[in-house]
Amino acid sequence: MNDVLAQAPVVLSESGRAELAYDLLAGLDVTPDSGVTQAWETQILRRLDQVDDGMAKLIDREELRRRMRIRMTGA
């Protein structure tokens, strides 16, 4: 990996890093498993239905980050 690419995550904004990560993953030469793709689509639709029906408890981004930090660091 060259130095310019290695420094990209440091100088990019959060949305820029997300876009870079997406592009890198999308560029992998992987044949999608149709069963996995279908399972994800089913799960996404189920969760959207829960949101639409008022069954899902939504949290804001800061709360999500707080919970993820706790899970990742134990603190």
C-alpha atoms as a PDB file:
ATOM      1  CA  MET A   1       0.000   0.000   0.000  1.00  0.00           C
ATOM      2  CA  ASN A   2       1.452   3.339  -0.903  1.00  0.00           C
ATOM      3  CA  ASP A   3       1.759   6.252   1.534  1.00  0.00           C
ATOM      4  CA  VAL A   4      -0.905   8.378  -0.162  1.00  0.00           C
ATOM      5  CA  LEU A   5      -3.513   5.646   0.155  1.00  0.00           C
ATOM      6  CA  ALA A   6      -2.478   4.896   3.736  1.00  0.00           C
ATOM      7  CA  GLN A   7      -3.011   8.578   4.674  1.00  0.00           C
ATOM      8  CA  ALA A   8      -6.439   8.837   3.010  1.00  0.00           C
ATOM      9  CA  PRO A   9      -8.444   7.784   6.087  1.00  0.00           C
ATOM     10  CA  VAL A  10      -6.625  10.401   8.169  1.00  0.00           C
ATOM     11  CA  VAL A  11      -7.462  13.357   5.926  1.00  0.00           C
ATOM     12  CA  LEU A  12     -10.937  12.336   4.755  1.00  0.00           C
ATOM     13  CA  SER A  13     -14.118  13.410   6.480  1.00  0.00           C
ATOM     14  CA  GLU A  14     -16.324  10.774   8.086  1.00  0.00           C
ATOM     15  CA  SER A  15     -18.542  10.603   5.012  1.00  0.00           C
ATOM     16  CA  GLY A  16     -15.462  10.459   2.788  1.00  0.00           C
ATOM     17  CA  ARG A  17     -14.116   7.495   4.772  1.00  0.00           C
ATOM     18  CA  ALA A  18     -17.474   5.759   4.499  1.00  0.00           C
ATOM     19  CA  GLU A  19     -17.513   6.299   0.737  1.00  0.00           C
ATOM     20  CA  LEU A  20     -13.940   5.027   0.443  1.00  0.00           C
ATOM     21  CA  ALA A  21     -14.774   1.919   2.478  1.00  0.00           C
ATOM     22  CA  TYR A  22     -17.847   1.272   0.325  1.00  0.00           C
ATOM     23  CA  ASP A  23     -15.851   1.661  -2.896  1.00  0.00           C
ATOM     24  CA  LEU A  24     -13.093  -0.633  -1.640  1.00  0.00           C
ATOM     25  CA  LEU A  25     -15.547  -3.344  -0.624  1.00  0.00           C
ATOM     26  CA  ALA A  26     -17.544  -2.991  -3.831  1.00  0.00           C
ATOM     27  CA  GLY A  27     -14.320  -3.406  -5.796  1.00  0.00           C
ATOM     28  CA  LEU A  28     -13.576  -6.836  -4.370  1.00  0.00           C
ATOM     29  CA  ASP A  29     -13.927  -9.595  -6.921  1.00  0.00           C
ATOM     30  CA  VAL A  30     -16.527 -11.628  -5.062  1.00  0.00           C
ATOM     31  CA  THR A  31     -19.494 -13.442  -6.510  1.00  0.00           C
ATOM     32  CA  PRO A  32     -22.456 -12.772  -4.245  1.00  0.00           C
ATOM     33  CA  ASP A  33     -24.199 -15.772  -2.735  1.00  0.00           C
ATOM     34  CA  SER A  34     -27.819 -15.496  -3.847  1.00  0.00           C
ATOM     35  CA  GLY A  35     -29.033 -17.147  -0.634  1.00  0.00           C
ATOM     36  CA  VAL A  36     -27.223 -14.608   1.511  1.00  0.00           C
ATOM     37  CA  THR A  37     -28.434 -11.736  -0.644  1.00  0.00           C
ATOM     38  CA  GLN A  38     -32.026 -12.950  -0.363  1.00  0.00           C
ATOM     39  CA  ALA A  39     -31.704 -13.399   3.405  1.00  0.00           C
ATOM     40  CA  TRP A  40     -30.421  -9.824   3.816  1.00  0.00           C
ATOM     41  CA  GLU A  41     -33.200  -8.440   1.626  1.00  0.00           C
ATOM     42  CA  THR A  42     -35.792 -10.321   3.701  1.00  0.00           C
ATOM     43  CA  GLN A  43     -34.256  -9.059   6.949  1.00  0.00           C
ATOM     44  CA  ILE A  44     -34.135  -5.461   5.703  1.00  0.00           C
ATOM     45  CA  LEU A  45     -37.774  -5.560   4.605  1.00  0.00           C
ATOM     46  CA  ARG A  46     -38.806  -7.096   7.953  1.00  0.00           C
ATOM     47  CA  ARG A  47     -37.026  -4.341   9.858  1.00  0.00           C
ATOM     48  CA  LEU A  48     -38.507  -1.615   7.656  1.00  0.00           C
ATOM     49  CA  ASP A  49     -41.960  -3.035   8.353  1.00  0.00           C
ATOM     50  CA  GLN A  50     -41.218  -2.877  12.090  1.00  0.00           C
ATOM     51  CA  VAL A  51     -40.237   0.789  11.758  1.00  0.00           C
ATOM     52  CA  ASP A  52     -43.331   1.586   9.687  1.00  0.00           C
ATOM     53  CA  ASP A  53     -45.590  -0.231  12.175  1.00  0.00           C
ATOM     54  CA  GLY A  54     -44.057   1.597  15.146  1.00  0.00           C
ATOM     55  CA  MET A  55     -42.713  -1.669  16.587  1.00  0.00           C
ATOM     56  CA  ALA A  56     -39.021  -0.704  16.388  1.00  0.00           C
ATOM     57  CA  LYS A  57     -37.305   1.400  19.027  1.00  0.00           C
ATOM     58  CA  LEU A  58     -35.206   3.936  17.144  1.00  0.00           C
ATOM     59  CA  ILE A  59     -32.107   5.596  18.583  1.00  0.00           C
ATOM     60  CA  ASP A  60     -30.127   8.569  17.350  1.00  0.00           C
ATOM     61  CA  ARG A  61     -26.612   8.393  15.977  1.00  0.00           C
ATOM     62  CA  GLU A  62     -24.914   9.539  19.172  1.00  0.00           C
ATOM     63  CA  GLU A  63     -26.643   6.815  21.185  1.00  0.00           C
ATOM     64  CA  LEU A  64     -25.605   4.237  18.582  1.00  0.00           C
ATOM     65  CA  ARG A  65     -21.997   5.384  18.822  1.00  0.00           C
ATOM     66  CA  ARG A  66     -22.106   5.297  22.617  1.00  0.00           C
ATOM     67  CA  ARG A  67     -23.426   1.722  22.614  1.00  0.00           C
ATOM     68  CA  MET A  68     -20.911   0.573  20.007  1.00  0.00           C
ATOM     69  CA  ARG A  69     -18.046   2.154  21.957  1.00  0.00           C
ATOM     70  CA  ILE A  70     -19.148   0.256  25.059  1.00  0.00           C
ATOM     71  CA  ARG A  71     -19.324  -3.023  23.135  1.00  0.00           C
ATOM     72  CA  MET A  72     -15.960  -2.515  21.475  1.00  0.00           C
ATOM     73  CA  THR A  73     -14.016  -1.289  24.496  1.00  0.00           C
ATOM     74  CA  GLY A  74     -15.997  -2.638  27.390  1.00  0.00           C
ATOM     75  CA  ALA A  75     -16.151   0.864  28.856  1.00  0.00           C
END
